[in-house]
Amino acid sequence: MADTLTTGAAENPRRRAQRRKRRLAVVFVLPALLLLGALVVYPVVFSFGRSLFDASGDRFVGAGNYAAILHDPATLKAIRNSTIWVVVAPVLLTGLGLMLAVLTEKVRWATAFKLVLFLPMAVSFLAAGIVFRLAYEQDPGRGVLNAVVVGVHDTFEDTAAYPTARAREGQGLTGAAGGPYSTGEGVRPGRSVSLGLVGVAPDAMPAGAQPAAAAAPGPHEIGGVVYLDFAPGGAGTPGRIDPGEKGLPGMTVEAVRDGRVAATATAAADGSFRFTGLADGEYTVRLPAANFATPYQGVNWLGPALVTPAIIGAYLWVWTGFAMVLIGAGLAAIPRDALEAARMDGATEGQIFRKITVPLLAPVLTVVFVTLVINVMKVFDLVYIIAPGPVQEEANVLATRMWLVSFGGGNDQGLGSALSVVLLLLVVPAMVFNIRRYRRSGA
């Protein structure tokens, strides 16, 4: 009996100490719980409740807003785009991160290389969006990507030098705007023709253009000149080469007979040209439409067809360093003995990568992939900033659609709250999966 009393007396202080520890723990945890409730729990509960009411918030509609999601074409498009993001972006980022992490192990200055790739993570999505909005500009003079594309294109293909030029009316050339333009009357060998054009701005004239002068033809030749039929100050006579009028060098000219091109010439610096070796007969002198074609303007990166891939490209630029650093940390933890043993057994680097490196990195790759899935479901900044107004609907994802419906002009916070709940329900499974993996790895 005495032993029992002694044991009970010893346990009571122990229990009191444990209770004091629990109360102390609650005191320390309570501020965090209150903050969590105010910033997370309350908004979730409020959003769910608000999603059950109409746009005004006065009439209870139940699941009506959730049903509207399935019948709204713009919302369905946002769901489609979010699906594209979830399928494409995490896969590409994980693959790029793995490739770069493996490559950086084999290069000098690996730390500096990783630092450069990780630097975009220090840039806000707002700044990154502005940078890529400018980079994707359609005008090659402003958009760096189209400047590169147009430069490469023009290197391999000739471009039209005079897209704005047109024939002066009533001066012997016929044809619709944009060409081709042809002489109205037949021209025989031994004669010369003057092809006057207008519509070329002074600053658009080639630097090497010289005063216009017609080429004198021989017996079996047709000569002529292609020139800007506009004298400085407008004092010249239409249809005649006046002092100060310059030739249009580089213009392609054709001699056509019976519907077929008999000869082709290119205008010299003074606009002169000459067809040689022509048979007797009448020819039509023609300026092909290629001379007046609109120059290549590059790719419409922010058009309806490419706006989503373009924004995903900007997202890759920001997050590739993140994936590379995490995977690189996992790669550094791989036992080198296994890799060296495989090499001694005659395995190639490709076999080692596929059968040893990737399987050992599987837990890290999974964590990176799931983390990126969660992140792309919530992407907002890049989509909202990069996509121009006319194609905003084509680029919308659930987060931007939720904001536009609620505050960006839709003024329907009931539907917006329903979208936020749907977005939460889509994110939660990935978060739970990640938490379980962390617990298992720490067990």
Foldseek 3Di string as FASTA:
>chain_A
DVVVVVVVVVVVVVVVVVVVVVVVVCVVCVVVVVVCCVPPVVVLVVLVVLLQAWLVSPHGNGCVLVVVCVVDVLNVLQAVLLVVCLVPLLVVLLVLLLVLLVVLVVDPPSVVVLCVLQVLLVPDLQVLLVVLLQLLDLALVGHVVLVVVLVVVCVVDPAALAQQKDFDPPQQWDDDRLDWIKGPDWDWAQEEAEGEIEGQDPVSADPLWDQADWDGGDRQKYKYFYWHQAAVVRPDDGNDRDPRTTGRFQFKKFWDDPRHTPFIWTAHSRRMTMGPDHDGDTTMIIGGSSNNDDTDRGDNCQDLVRNSVSLSVSVSSNCSSVSNVQLSVQQVPFDVVVVVVCVVVPDDPVCCCVPPVCVSSVLSSLLSSLVSSLVSLQDDSNLVSNHDPVNSSSNHHLNNVLCCCCPVPVSISNSSSVSVSVSVVVNVVSVVVNVVSVVVVVD
